[in-house]
C-alpha atoms as a PDB file:
ATOM      1  CA  MET A   1      28.301 -14.594  20.234  1.00  0.00           C
ATOM      2  CA  PHE A   2      25.875 -17.385  21.144  1.00  0.00           C
ATOM      3  CA  LYS A   3      22.590 -15.496  20.795  1.00  0.00           C
ATOM      4  CA  GLU A   4      21.674 -17.093  17.461  1.00  0.00           C
ATOM      5  CA  PHE A   5      22.898 -20.516  18.622  1.00  0.00           C
ATOM      6  CA  ILE A   6      20.765 -20.413  21.780  1.00  0.00           C
ATOM      7  CA  LYS A   7      17.695 -19.256  19.842  1.00  0.00           C
ATOM      8  CA  ASN A   8      18.007 -21.926  17.166  1.00  0.00           C
ATOM      9  CA  VAL A   9      19.114 -24.938  19.195  1.00  0.00           C
ATOM     10  CA  LYS A  10      15.932 -24.774  21.272  1.00  0.00           C
ATOM     11  CA  LYS A  11      13.916 -25.589  18.142  1.00  0.00           C
ATOM     12  CA  TYR A  12      15.139 -29.186  18.301  1.00  0.00           C
ATOM     13  CA  SER A  13      14.057 -31.971  20.623  1.00  0.00           C
ATOM     14  CA  ARG A  14      16.947 -34.471  20.417  1.00  0.00           C
ATOM     15  CA  VAL A  15      20.512 -33.453  19.629  1.00  0.00           C
ATOM     16  CA  GLY A  16      23.497 -35.630  18.822  1.00  0.00           C
ATOM     17  CA  VAL A  17      26.828 -34.104  19.864  1.00  0.00           C
ATOM     18  CA  PHE A  18      29.874 -35.431  17.990  1.00  0.00           C
ATOM     19  CA  SER A  19      33.463 -34.942  19.150  1.00  0.00           C
ATOM     20  CA  HIS A  20      36.429 -35.616  16.895  1.00  0.00           C
ATOM     21  CA  ILE A  21      38.186 -38.952  16.533  1.00  0.00           C
ATOM     22  CA  ARG A  22      41.338 -39.548  18.601  1.00  0.00           C
ATOM     23  CA  PRO A  23      39.726 -37.473  21.365  1.00  0.00           C
ATOM     24  CA  ASP A  24      41.745 -35.183  23.636  1.00  0.00           C
ATOM     25  CA  GLY A  25      40.891 -33.187  26.751  1.00  0.00           C
ATOM     26  CA  ASP A  26      39.391 -30.193  24.981  1.00  0.00           C
ATOM     27  CA  CYS A  27      37.354 -32.446  22.735  1.00  0.00           C
ATOM     28  CA  ILE A  28      35.775 -34.540  25.529  1.00  0.00           C
ATOM     29  CA  GLY A  29      35.594 -31.658  28.004  1.00  0.00           C
ATOM     30  CA  SER A  30      33.648 -29.443  25.600  1.00  0.00           C
ATOM     31  CA  GLN A  31      31.425 -32.320  24.488  1.00  0.00           C
ATOM     32  CA  VAL A  32      30.497 -33.300  28.039  1.00  0.00           C
ATOM     33  CA  ALA A  33      29.895 -29.694  29.138  1.00  0.00           C
ATOM     34  CA  LEU A  34      27.795 -28.847  26.070  1.00  0.00           C
ATOM     35  CA  SER A  35      25.745 -32.024  26.502  1.00  0.00           C
ATOM     36  CA  ILE A  36      25.017 -31.094  30.112  1.00  0.00           C
ATOM     37  CA  TRP A  37      24.048 -27.548  29.001  1.00  0.00           C
ATOM     38  CA  LEU A  38      21.597 -28.963  26.462  1.00  0.00           C
ATOM     39  CA  GLN A  39      20.164 -31.309  29.084  1.00  0.00           C
ATOM     40  CA  LYS A  40      19.796 -28.524  31.639  1.00  0.00           C
ATOM     41  CA  ASN A  41      17.810 -26.561  29.063  1.00  0.00           C
ATOM     42  CA  GLY A  42      15.255 -29.234  28.331  1.00  0.00           C
ATOM     43  CA  ILE A  43      16.819 -30.809  25.239  1.00  0.00           C
ATOM     44  CA  GLU A  44      17.331 -34.556  24.983  1.00  0.00           C
ATOM     45  CA  VAL A  45      20.940 -35.244  24.012  1.00  0.00           C
ATOM     46  CA  ILE A  46      23.273 -38.098  23.177  1.00  0.00           C
ATOM     47  CA  ALA A  47      27.063 -37.746  22.835  1.00  0.00           C
ATOM     48  CA  PHE A  48      29.036 -39.656  20.183  1.00  0.00           C
ATOM     49  CA  ASN A  49      32.656 -40.575  19.521  1.00  0.00           C
ATOM     50  CA  ASP A  50      33.867 -43.420  17.320  1.00  0.00           C
ATOM     51  CA  ASP A  51      37.110 -43.972  19.252  1.00  0.00           C
ATOM     52  CA  ASP A  52      37.877 -45.219  22.729  1.00  0.00           C
ATOM     53  CA  ILE A  53      38.603 -42.507  25.282  1.00  0.00           C
ATOM     54  CA  SER A  54      42.001 -42.663  26.988  1.00  0.00           C
ATOM     55  CA  GLU A  55      42.336 -43.639  30.646  1.00  0.00           C
ATOM     56  CA  ASN A  56      43.266 -40.125  31.741  1.00  0.00           C
ATOM     57  CA  LEU A  57      39.992 -38.709  30.361  1.00  0.00           C
ATOM     58  CA  ILE A  58      37.492 -41.537  30.784  1.00  0.00           C
ATOM     59  CA  TRP A  59      36.401 -40.147  34.181  1.00  0.00           C
ATOM     60  CA  LEU A  60      34.711 -37.252  32.360  1.00  0.00           C
ATOM     61  CA  THR A  61      32.174 -39.693  30.937  1.00  0.00           C
ATOM     62  CA  ASN A  62      30.873 -40.240  34.474  1.00  0.00           C
ATOM     63  CA  TYR A  63      29.425 -36.728  34.125  1.00  0.00           C
ATOM     64  CA  PHE A  64      27.840 -37.496  30.758  1.00  0.00           C
ATOM     65  CA  PRO A  65      28.190 -40.761  28.786  1.00  0.00           C
ATOM     66  CA  VAL A  66      29.858 -40.801  25.362  1.00  0.00           C
ATOM     67  CA  LYS A  67      28.662 -43.600  23.075  1.00  0.00           C
ATOM     68  CA  LYS A  68      29.544 -45.143  19.728  1.00  0.00           C
ATOM     69  CA  ALA A  69      27.274 -43.888  16.960  1.00  0.00           C
ATOM     70  CA  THR A  70      24.843 -46.415  15.487  1.00  0.00           C
ATOM     71  CA  LYS A  71      22.016 -46.155  12.962  1.00  0.00           C
ATOM     72  CA  GLU A  72      19.473 -46.519  15.758  1.00  0.00           C
ATOM     73  CA  ASN A  73      20.770 -43.802  18.069  1.00  0.00           C
ATOM     74  CA  THR A  74      21.651 -41.320  15.311  1.00  0.00           C
ATOM     75  CA  ASP A  75      18.318 -41.722  13.498  1.00  0.00           C
ATOM     76  CA  ALA A  76      16.585 -40.411  16.611  1.00  0.00           C
ATOM     77  CA  CYS A  77      18.456 -37.069  16.413  1.00  0.00           C
ATOM     78  CA  ASP A  78      16.947 -34.083  14.618  1.00  0.00           C
ATOM     79  CA  LEU A  79      20.117 -31.962  14.959  1.00  0.00           C
ATOM     80  CA  PHE A  80      23.826 -32.715  15.106  1.00  0.00           C
ATOM     81  CA  ILE A  81      26.372 -30.473  16.830  1.00  0.00           C
ATOM     82  CA  VAL A  82      30.088 -31.048  16.197  1.00  0.00           C
ATOM     83  CA  VAL A  83      32.639 -29.699  18.659  1.00  0.00           C
ATOM     84  CA  ASP A  84      36.398 -29.075  18.555  1.00  0.00           C
ATOM     85  CA  GLY A  85      36.739 -29.646  14.834  1.00  0.00           C
ATOM     86  CA  ASN A  86      35.634 -27.761  11.733  1.00  0.00           C
ATOM     87  CA  ALA A  87      35.754 -30.342   8.947  1.00  0.00           C
ATOM     88  CA  PRO A  88      33.370 -33.314   8.614  1.00  0.00           C
ATOM     89  CA  HIS A  89      36.136 -35.894   8.145  1.00  0.00           C
ATOM     90  CA  ARG A  90      37.394 -35.146  11.682  1.00  0.00           C
ATOM     91  CA  PHE A  91      34.300 -36.812  13.159  1.00  0.00           C
ATOM     92  CA  GLY A  92      34.599 -40.346  11.864  1.00  0.00           C
ATOM     93  CA  SER A  93      31.274 -41.995  11.016  1.00  0.00           C
ATOM     94  CA  TYR A  94      29.394 -38.681  11.308  1.00  0.00           C
ATOM     95  CA  GLU A  95      29.644 -38.220   7.532  1.00  0.00           C
ATOM     96  CA  ASP A  96      28.048 -41.622   6.934  1.00  0.00           C
ATOM     97  CA  TRP A  97      25.051 -40.838   9.148  1.00  0.00           C
ATOM     98  CA  GLN A  98      24.614 -37.504   7.388  1.00  0.00           C
ATOM     99  CA  LYS A  99      24.630 -39.147   3.963  1.00  0.00           C
ATOM    100  CA  GLU A 100      22.043 -41.649   5.098  1.00  0.00           C
ATOM    101  CA  LYS A 101      19.743 -39.046   6.635  1.00  0.00           C
ATOM    102  CA  ARG A 102      20.479 -35.335   6.177  1.00  0.00           C
ATOM    103  CA  ARG A 103      19.758 -33.091   9.162  1.00  0.00           C
ATOM    104  CA  PRO A 104      20.948 -29.632  10.301  1.00  0.00           C
ATOM    105  CA  VAL A 105      24.456 -29.393  11.756  1.00  0.00           C
ATOM    106  CA  PHE A 106      25.842 -26.732  14.102  1.00  0.00           C
ATOM    107  CA  MET A 107      29.576 -26.367  14.760  1.00  0.00           C
ATOM    108  CA  ILE A 108      31.505 -24.945  17.745  1.00  0.00           C
ATOM    109  CA  ASP A 109      35.277 -24.827  17.310  1.00  0.00           C
ATOM    110  CA  HIS A 110      38.477 -22.785  17.598  1.00  0.00           C
ATOM    111  CA  HIS A 111      40.598 -24.153  14.730  1.00  0.00           C
ATOM    112  CA  PRO A 112      41.451 -21.960  11.717  1.00  0.00           C
ATOM    113  CA  ASN A 113      40.100 -22.383   8.182  1.00  0.00           C
ATOM    114  CA  PRO A 114      36.659 -23.881   8.917  1.00  0.00           C
ATOM    115  CA  GLU A 115      34.734 -25.607   6.161  1.00  0.00           C
ATOM    116  CA  ASP A 116      31.491 -23.866   5.195  1.00  0.00           C
ATOM    117  CA  GLU A 117      28.992 -26.704   5.071  1.00  0.00           C
ATOM    118  CA  PHE A 118      27.568 -26.191   8.558  1.00  0.00           C
ATOM    119  CA  ASP A 119      24.152 -24.627   9.071  1.00  0.00           C
ATOM    120  CA  LEU A 120      25.356 -22.521  12.000  1.00  0.00           C
ATOM    121  CA  SER A 121      28.970 -21.986  13.048  1.00  0.00           C
ATOM    122  CA  ILE A 122      30.624 -20.615  16.171  1.00  0.00           C
ATOM    123  CA  SER A 123      34.214 -20.362  14.949  1.00  0.00           C
ATOM    124  CA  VAL A 124      36.749 -18.346  16.962  1.00  0.00           C
ATOM    125  CA  ASP A 125      40.261 -19.314  15.946  1.00  0.00           C
ATOM    126  CA  ASP A 126      42.015 -17.146  18.521  1.00  0.00           C
ATOM    127  CA  ALA A 127      40.151 -18.757  21.425  1.00  0.00           C
ATOM    128  CA  SER A 128      42.406 -20.846  23.661  1.00  0.00           C
ATOM    129  CA  SER A 129      40.156 -23.885  23.413  1.00  0.00           C
ATOM    130  CA  THR A 130      36.677 -25.054  22.523  1.00  0.00           C
ATOM    131  CA  CYS A 131      36.077 -25.359  26.263  1.00  0.00           C
ATOM    132  CA  GLU A 132      36.608 -21.609  26.612  1.00  0.00           C
ATOM    133  CA  LEU A 133      33.901 -21.117  23.975  1.00  0.00           C
ATOM    134  CA  ILE A 134      31.498 -23.435  25.817  1.00  0.00           C
ATOM    135  CA  TYR A 135      32.252 -21.507  29.019  1.00  0.00           C
ATOM    136  CA  ASN A 136      31.167 -18.362  27.151  1.00  0.00           C
ATOM    137  CA  LEU A 137      27.946 -20.129  26.166  1.00  0.00           C
ATOM    138  CA  PHE A 138      27.154 -20.703  29.843  1.00  0.00           C
ATOM    139  CA  LYS A 139      28.222 -17.154  30.692  1.00  0.00           C
ATOM    140  CA  GLU A 140      26.028 -15.624  27.999  1.00  0.00           C
ATOM    141  CA  HIS A 141      22.982 -17.777  28.753  1.00  0.00           C
ATOM    142  CA  ASP A 142      23.025 -18.542  32.502  1.00  0.00           C
ATOM    143  CA  ILE A 143      26.350 -18.836  34.292  1.00  0.00           C
ATOM    144  CA  ASP A 144      24.608 -20.307  37.335  1.00  0.00           C
ATOM    145  CA  GLN A 145      24.138 -23.501  35.315  1.00  0.00           C
ATOM    146  CA  ILE A 146      27.864 -24.220  35.757  1.00  0.00           C
ATOM    147  CA  ASP A 147      27.978 -26.911  38.428  1.00  0.00           C
ATOM    148  CA  GLU A 148      30.923 -28.957  39.677  1.00  0.00           C
ATOM    149  CA  ASN A 149      30.783 -31.463  36.805  1.00  0.00           C
ATOM    150  CA  VAL A 150      30.584 -28.778  34.126  1.00  0.00           C
ATOM    151  CA  ALA A 151      33.397 -26.813  35.764  1.00  0.00           C
ATOM    152  CA  LYS A 152      35.745 -29.820  35.868  1.00  0.00           C
ATOM    153  CA  ALA A 153      34.977 -30.769  32.268  1.00  0.00           C
ATOM    154  CA  LEU A 154      35.631 -27.246  31.001  1.00  0.00           C
ATOM    155  CA  TYR A 155      38.740 -26.802  33.144  1.00  0.00           C
ATOM    156  CA  THR A 156      40.133 -30.039  31.680  1.00  0.00           C
ATOM    157  CA  GLY A 157      39.880 -28.597  28.175  1.00  0.00           C
ATOM    158  CA  LEU A 158      41.406 -25.284  29.224  1.00  0.00           C
ATOM    159  CA  ILE A 159      44.535 -26.831  30.714  1.00  0.00           C
ATOM    160  CA  THR A 160      45.082 -29.551  28.103  1.00  0.00           C
ATOM    161  CA  ASP A 161      44.741 -27.264  25.075  1.00  0.00           C
ATOM    162  CA  THR A 162      46.916 -24.506  26.537  1.00  0.00           C
ATOM    163  CA  GLY A 163      49.848 -26.500  27.942  1.00  0.00           C
ATOM    164  CA  SER A 164      48.564 -25.913  31.476  1.00  0.00           C
ATOM    165  CA  LEU A 165      47.830 -22.252  30.668  1.00  0.00           C
ATOM    166  CA  GLN A 166      51.318 -21.643  29.199  1.00  0.00           C
ATOM    167  CA  PHE A 167      50.613 -21.127  25.469  1.00  0.00           C
ATOM    168  CA  ASP A 168      50.316 -17.699  23.882  1.00  0.00           C
ATOM    169  CA  SER A 169      46.658 -18.470  23.092  1.00  0.00           C
ATOM    170  CA  VAL A 170      46.003 -17.765  26.776  1.00  0.00           C
ATOM    171  CA  LYS A 171      44.538 -14.310  27.302  1.00  0.00           C
ATOM    172  CA  PRO A 172      43.303 -12.544  30.444  1.00  0.00           C
ATOM    173  CA  GLU A 173      39.802 -13.788  29.563  1.00  0.00           C
ATOM    174  CA  THR A 174      41.114 -17.364  29.595  1.00  0.00           C
ATOM    175  CA  MET A 175      42.524 -16.901  33.088  1.00  0.00           C
ATOM    176  CA  ASP A 176      39.253 -15.295  34.180  1.00  0.00           C
ATOM    177  CA  ALA A 177      37.375 -18.347  32.878  1.00  0.00           C
ATOM    178  CA  ALA A 178      39.722 -20.737  34.691  1.00  0.00           C
ATOM    179  CA  ALA A 179      39.311 -18.819  37.958  1.00  0.00           C
ATOM    180  CA  GLU A 180      35.526 -18.750  37.631  1.00  0.00           C
ATOM    181  CA  LEU A 181      35.421 -22.498  36.949  1.00  0.00           C
ATOM    182  CA  LEU A 182      37.485 -23.187  40.079  1.00  0.00           C
ATOM    183  CA  ARG A 183      35.224 -20.870  42.059  1.00  0.00           C
ATOM    184  CA  ARG A 184      31.940 -22.347  40.838  1.00  0.00           C
ATOM    185  CA  GLY A 185      33.151 -25.950  40.808  1.00  0.00           C
ATOM    186  CA  GLU A 186      34.658 -25.591  44.283  1.00  0.00           C
ATOM    187  CA  PHE A 187      37.663 -27.778  43.487  1.00  0.00           C
ATOM    188  CA  LYS A 188      41.423 -27.265  43.543  1.00  0.00           C
ATOM    189  CA  PRO A 189      43.369 -27.336  40.249  1.00  0.00           C
ATOM    190  CA  ASN A 190      45.474 -30.337  41.257  1.00  0.00           C
ATOM    191  CA  LEU A 191      42.379 -32.577  41.397  1.00  0.00           C
ATOM    192  CA  VAL A 192      41.950 -32.289  37.626  1.00  0.00           C
ATOM    193  CA  ALA A 193      45.649 -31.937  36.740  1.00  0.00           C
ATOM    194  CA  GLU A 194      46.595 -35.146  38.566  1.00  0.00           C
ATOM    195  CA  ARG A 195      43.863 -37.116  36.820  1.00  0.00           C
ATOM    196  CA  VAL A 196      44.913 -35.820  33.420  1.00  0.00           C
ATOM    197  CA  PHE A 197      48.700 -35.696  33.691  1.00  0.00           C
ATOM    198  CA  SER A 198      49.853 -37.892  36.610  1.00  0.00           C
ATOM    199  CA  ASN A 199      48.666 -41.351  35.690  1.00  0.00           C
ATOM    200  CA  GLN A 200      51.361 -42.828  33.456  1.00  0.00           C
ATOM    201  CA  THR A 201      52.013 -46.558  33.635  1.00  0.00           C
ATOM    202  CA  LEU A 202      55.439 -48.215  33.688  1.00  0.00           C
ATOM    203  CA  PRO A 203      55.012 -49.443  30.068  1.00  0.00           C
ATOM    204  CA  GLN A 204      54.275 -45.858  29.000  1.00  0.00           C
ATOM    205  CA  LEU A 205      57.478 -44.654  30.653  1.00  0.00           C
ATOM    206  CA  GLN A 206      59.404 -47.486  28.984  1.00  0.00           C
ATOM    207  CA  LEU A 207      57.960 -46.398  25.628  1.00  0.00           C
ATOM    208  CA  LEU A 208      58.956 -42.798  26.349  1.00  0.00           C
ATOM    209  CA  SER A 209      62.505 -43.918  27.160  1.00  0.00           C
ATOM    210  CA  LEU A 210      62.813 -45.728  23.827  1.00  0.00           C
ATOM    211  CA  SER A 211      61.349 -42.783  21.948  1.00  0.00           C
ATOM    212  CA  LEU A 212      63.674 -40.246  23.573  1.00  0.00           C
ATOM    213  CA  GLY A 213      66.579 -42.284  22.236  1.00  0.00           C
ATOM    214  CA  THR A 214      65.486 -41.432  18.672  1.00  0.00           C
ATOM    215  CA  VAL A 215      65.630 -37.628  18.993  1.00  0.00           C
ATOM    216  CA  GLN A 216      67.339 -35.916  16.037  1.00  0.00           C
ATOM    217  CA  LEU A 217      68.007 -32.213  15.502  1.00  0.00           C
ATOM    218  CA  PHE A 218      67.809 -30.385  12.166  1.00  0.00           C
ATOM    219  CA  GLU A 219      68.104 -26.884  10.721  1.00  0.00           C
ATOM    220  CA  ASN A 220      70.958 -25.730  12.979  1.00  0.00           C
ATOM    221  CA  ASN A 221      69.336 -27.400  16.005  1.00  0.00           C
ATOM    222  CA  GLN A 222      66.041 -25.538  15.575  1.00  0.00           C
ATOM    223  CA  ILE A 223      63.840 -28.521  14.644  1.00  0.00           C
ATOM    224  CA  ALA A 224      63.645 -31.620  16.838  1.00  0.00           C
ATOM    225  CA  VAL A 225      62.262 -34.932  15.606  1.00  0.00           C
ATOM    226  CA  MET A 226      61.283 -37.881  17.802  1.00  0.00           C
ATOM    227  CA  THR A 227      59.818 -41.178  16.597  1.00  0.00           C
ATOM    228  CA  VAL A 228      57.738 -44.046  17.898  1.00  0.00           C
ATOM    229  CA  THR A 229      57.667 -47.305  15.916  1.00  0.00           C
ATOM    230  CA  LYS A 230      55.304 -50.249  15.864  1.00  0.00           C
ATOM    231  CA  GLU A 231      58.152 -52.353  17.227  1.00  0.00           C
ATOM    232  CA  MET A 232      58.467 -50.049  20.263  1.00  0.00           C
ATOM    233  CA  LEU A 233      54.735 -50.345  20.917  1.00  0.00           C
ATOM    234  CA  ASP A 234      54.887 -54.141  20.661  1.00  0.00           C
ATOM    235  CA  ASP A 235      57.981 -54.418  22.875  1.00  0.00           C
ATOM    236  CA  THR A 236      56.408 -52.331  25.655  1.00  0.00           C
ATOM    237  CA  GLY A 237      52.831 -53.580  25.302  1.00  0.00           C
ATOM    238  CA  THR A 238      51.560 -50.069  24.621  1.00  0.00           C
ATOM    239  CA  THR A 239      49.432 -48.448  21.924  1.00  0.00           C
ATOM    240  CA  ASN A 240      49.426 -45.265  19.894  1.00  0.00           C
ATOM    241  CA  ALA A 241      47.151 -43.733  22.561  1.00  0.00           C
ATOM    242  CA  ASP A 242      50.008 -43.989  25.079  1.00  0.00           C
ATOM    243  CA  THR A 243      52.100 -41.350  23.267  1.00  0.00           C
ATOM    244  CA  GLY A 244      50.121 -38.372  24.560  1.00  0.00           C
ATOM    245  CA  GLY A 245      52.400 -35.492  25.536  1.00  0.00           C
ATOM    246  CA  PHE A 246      55.554 -37.114  24.119  1.00  0.00           C
ATOM    247  CA  VAL A 247      56.101 -34.297  21.612  1.00  0.00           C
ATOM    248  CA  ASN A 248      56.605 -31.808  24.448  1.00  0.00           C
ATOM    249  CA  TYR A 249      59.913 -33.450  25.419  1.00  0.00           C
ATOM    250  CA  PRO A 250      61.873 -32.589  22.245  1.00  0.00           C
ATOM    251  CA  LEU A 251      60.129 -29.209  22.205  1.00  0.00           C
ATOM    252  CA  SER A 252      61.698 -28.438  25.594  1.00  0.00           C
ATOM    253  CA  ILE A 253      65.273 -28.650  24.227  1.00  0.00           C
ATOM    254  CA  THR A 254      67.123 -25.320  24.374  1.00  0.00           C
ATOM    255  CA  GLY A 255      67.040 -23.473  21.050  1.00  0.00           C
ATOM    256  CA  ILE A 256      64.338 -25.649  19.494  1.00  0.00           C
ATOM    257  CA  LYS A 257      61.655 -23.705  17.604  1.00  0.00           C
ATOM    258  CA  ALA A 258      59.496 -26.650  16.536  1.00  0.00           C
ATOM    259  CA  ALA A 259      59.217 -30.346  17.323  1.00  0.00           C
ATOM    260  CA  ILE A 260      57.675 -33.302  15.523  1.00  0.00           C
ATOM    261  CA  LEU A 261      56.618 -36.645  16.940  1.00  0.00           C
ATOM    262  CA  LEU A 262      56.263 -39.243  14.196  1.00  0.00           C
ATOM    263  CA  LYS A 263      54.427 -42.483  14.956  1.00  0.00           C
ATOM    264  CA  ASP A 264      55.302 -45.131  12.379  1.00  0.00           C
ATOM    265  CA  LEU A 265      52.334 -47.499  12.307  1.00  0.00           C
ATOM    266  CA  ASP A 266      53.521 -49.615   9.356  1.00  0.00           C
ATOM    267  CA  ASP A 267      50.609 -50.201   6.966  1.00  0.00           C
ATOM    268  CA  ASP A 268      48.646 -47.356   8.573  1.00  0.00           C
ATOM    269  CA  GLY A 269      51.346 -44.845   7.608  1.00  0.00           C
ATOM    270  CA  VAL A 270      53.020 -42.237   9.785  1.00  0.00           C
ATOM    271  CA  LYS A 271      50.961 -40.061  12.103  1.00  0.00           C
ATOM    272  CA  MET A 272      52.532 -36.776  13.156  1.00  0.00           C
ATOM    273  CA  SER A 273      52.103 -34.348  16.040  1.00  0.00           C
ATOM    274  CA  LEU A 274      53.738 -30.957  15.448  1.00  0.00           C
ATOM    275  CA  ARG A 275      54.411 -28.308  18.090  1.00  0.00           C
ATOM    276  CA  SER A 276      56.002 -24.848  18.075  1.00  0.00           C
ATOM    277  CA  LYS A 277      57.220 -22.473  20.750  1.00  0.00           C
ATOM    278  CA  SER A 278      58.199 -19.659  18.391  1.00  0.00           C
ATOM    279  CA  ASP A 279      56.875 -17.740  15.408  1.00  0.00           C
ATOM    280  CA  VAL A 280      57.036 -20.968  13.405  1.00  0.00           C
ATOM    281  CA  ASP A 281      53.511 -21.890  12.266  1.00  0.00           C
ATOM    282  CA  VAL A 282      53.207 -25.683  12.341  1.00  0.00           C
ATOM    283  CA  ASN A 283      49.670 -25.441  10.966  1.00  0.00           C
ATOM    284  CA  ILE A 284      51.315 -24.466   7.646  1.00  0.00           C
ATOM    285  CA  TRP A 285      53.436 -27.639   7.776  1.00  0.00           C
ATOM    286  CA  ALA A 286      50.436 -29.785   8.581  1.00  0.00           C
ATOM    287  CA  ARG A 287      48.267 -28.297   5.833  1.00  0.00           C
ATOM    288  CA  GLU A 288      50.959 -28.994   3.231  1.00  0.00           C
ATOM    289  CA  LEU A 289      50.698 -32.632   4.328  1.00  0.00           C
ATOM    290  CA  GLY A 290      46.897 -32.707   4.259  1.00  0.00           C
ATOM    291  CA  GLY A 291      46.470 -32.150   8.007  1.00  0.00           C
ATOM    292  CA  GLY A 292      45.863 -29.042  10.077  1.00  0.00           C
ATOM    293  CA  GLY A 293      45.463 -27.517  13.500  1.00  0.00           C
ATOM    294  CA  HIS A 294      46.796 -24.360  15.107  1.00  0.00           C
ATOM    295  CA  LYS A 295      49.899 -22.222  14.724  1.00  0.00           C
ATOM    296  CA  LYS A 296      51.481 -23.824  17.797  1.00  0.00           C
ATOM    297  CA  ALA A 297      49.950 -27.312  17.607  1.00  0.00           C
ATOM    298  CA  ALA A 298      48.914 -29.348  14.603  1.00  0.00           C
ATOM    299  CA  GLY A 299      48.673 -32.879  13.262  1.00  0.00           C
ATOM    300  CA  ALA A 300      49.165 -34.623   9.938  1.00  0.00           C
ATOM    301  CA  TRP A 301      49.583 -38.018   8.277  1.00  0.00           C
ATOM    302  CA  HIS A 302      52.190 -39.272   5.818  1.00  0.00           C
ATOM    303  CA  PRO A 303      52.013 -42.531   3.835  1.00  0.00           C
ATOM    304  CA  GLY A 304      55.638 -43.330   4.730  1.00  0.00           C
ATOM    305  CA  PRO A 305      58.146 -44.767   4.881  1.00  0.00           C
ATOM    306  CA  LEU A 306      59.361 -43.146   8.091  1.00  0.00           C
ATOM    307  CA  GLU A 307      62.602 -41.654   6.735  1.00  0.00           C
ATOM    308  CA  LYS A 308      60.734 -40.060   3.834  1.00  0.00           C
ATOM    309  CA  ALA A 309      58.150 -38.639   6.241  1.00  0.00           C
ATOM    310  CA  ILE A 310      60.929 -37.105   8.352  1.00  0.00           C
ATOM    311  CA  SER A 311      62.745 -35.680   5.336  1.00  0.00           C
ATOM    312  CA  GLU A 312      59.688 -34.091   3.732  1.00  0.00           C
ATOM    313  CA  THR A 313      58.313 -32.680   6.982  1.00  0.00           C
ATOM    314  CA  VAL A 314      61.655 -31.191   8.028  1.00  0.00           C
ATOM    315  CA  GLN A 315      62.056 -29.718   4.533  1.00  0.00           C
ATOM    316  CA  ILE A 316      58.732 -27.869   4.908  1.00  0.00           C
ATOM    317  CA  GLY A 317      59.786 -26.569   8.301  1.00  0.00           C
ATOM    318  CA  SER A 318      63.245 -25.551   7.161  1.00  0.00           C
ATOM    319  CA  LYS A 319      61.814 -23.385   4.387  1.00  0.00           C
ATOM    320  CA  GLN A 320      59.600 -21.589   6.880  1.00  0.00           C
ATOM    321  CA  ILE A 321      62.404 -21.054   9.406  1.00  0.00           C
ATOM    322  CA  GLN A 322      64.714 -19.712   6.694  1.00  0.00           C
ATOM    323  CA  LYS A 323      61.990 -17.345   5.520  1.00  0.00           C
ATOM    324  CA  LEU A 324      61.431 -16.077   9.056  1.00  0.00           C
ATOM    325  CA  GLU A 325      65.185 -15.553   9.509  1.00  0.00           C
ATOM    326  CA  LEU A 326      65.363 -13.491   6.285  1.00  0.00           C
ATOM    327  CA  GLU A 327      62.430 -11.379   7.465  1.00  0.00           C
ATOM    328  CA  GLU A 328      64.153 -10.791  10.818  1.00  0.00           C
ATOM    329  CA  GLU A 329      67.380  -9.768   9.084  1.00  0.00           C
ATOM    330  CA  SER A 330      65.529  -7.308   6.837  1.00  0.00           C
ATOM    331  CA  THR A 331      64.118  -5.500   9.883  1.00  0.00           C
ATOM    332  CA  ILE A 332      67.497  -5.043  11.559  1.00  0.00           C
END
């Protein structure tokens, strides 16, 4: 899979690795691990992200620093690599630096429907995570280059993008990768899991409490909707970044097939996180709203107001659920 990538990337002397805005565990984990791989193989590298990294992931930057992109540090790169995203707009200022000075771009990602403007693409949409793909890069090239830091970075992406190895994107190969990372990194799973999942502040829990009070059920209790408003954020002294994982709470309700977390940010519109634990494909919902993602996890944006965003999103989901129910009935 990575033969052509390995051959071609070694032609460049300084590589800039971009991860997508609003970074998550798979995004930062794959970026850090890939940057270390490049460094181990004699290539100068700098890692970029336009956004601040959340408290539960910032420790990964101790293994490799992630910086804001500037004209000075991007001009020095003769190749860009983008990870965990397959459309240029997902990488913030990356498009601006490309317009100013065009250079080759490689892409490594696991989301469906990639755009075709990359010079070399590693796109595997049934992979559990981009971190699993980067693990395969190490495995194909030299698995002995996986040290403790690489192993922890990659393991972070595996568990965050698979719901702690619970999603149906997890295959035996994913479990093999997780086991090998634990073996080579010589750490116990709880050391990473506690850093990623067990560090909520009291204001975050207060925000969660307020948000849980907004849960509504639609489509015969098959779609759950939960909201976070700007007022809730102000009242609890929290930010949009503190809503990570909130969507999993309505998704856990018995009988729910899909859940939506809507974050009403006033003038910035309504940001949505969509999740599914059934045959419902929330990527279809997201794409109808100009967003995207995976079948089981996707994101989108709506101009608002909040009630209109809820109505239109639920309407998209209801049509899909009704279609699936008709298909099920026709097979009986």
